[in-house]
C-alpha cells in the first residue's frame, strides 16, 4: 500500500470513529445544551464531508469509461470522431475534450463544481460553529 493509500485509510478510520462518537453522544438523553449543540454541528460537518466526497466522486467518474466516445457523442460529432486531447483536472473537477477545429466539451456536469464548493463551505461553517459551541461550553464549565 502506498503512502497516500495509507493516509486515506487512516482518514477513513478517523472519520468513522468520529461519526460513531457523534451519533452516540447525540443519542444520549443526558447530553443537553451547548454539549448537544457542539455534537450536532460536528455531525453536520461530517455529513457535509461525506456529501462532498460523493459529489467529488460523481464528478471525477463522469465520462471515466469510454471517455473518447463520450466526448464525441456530447459534441455531436459521432462516436468515430475522436478528440485530439483529453485533459483532466482534480480541482476544480473537469475532463475536457479538445478537437483540432477548436471544439471543447467538458464531460463533468456543470452543477458538480458549484455543488462541491457549497458542500465544502457548509463543512467550514459547521466546523466553525462546532468549535465555537465547544469553546462556549468550556468557558461555561470554568465559571461553574
Foldseek 3Di string as FASTA:
>chain_A
DDPVVVVVVVVVVVLVVLLVVLVVLCVDPVQDDLSNLLSVLVNQLSVLVVVLVVLLVLLQCQCVPLVQQVFCVVLVNHSVDGFPDWDADSVVGWTWGHHPVGDIDTRGDPVSNVVSVVSVVSSVVSNVSSVVSVVVVVVVVVVD
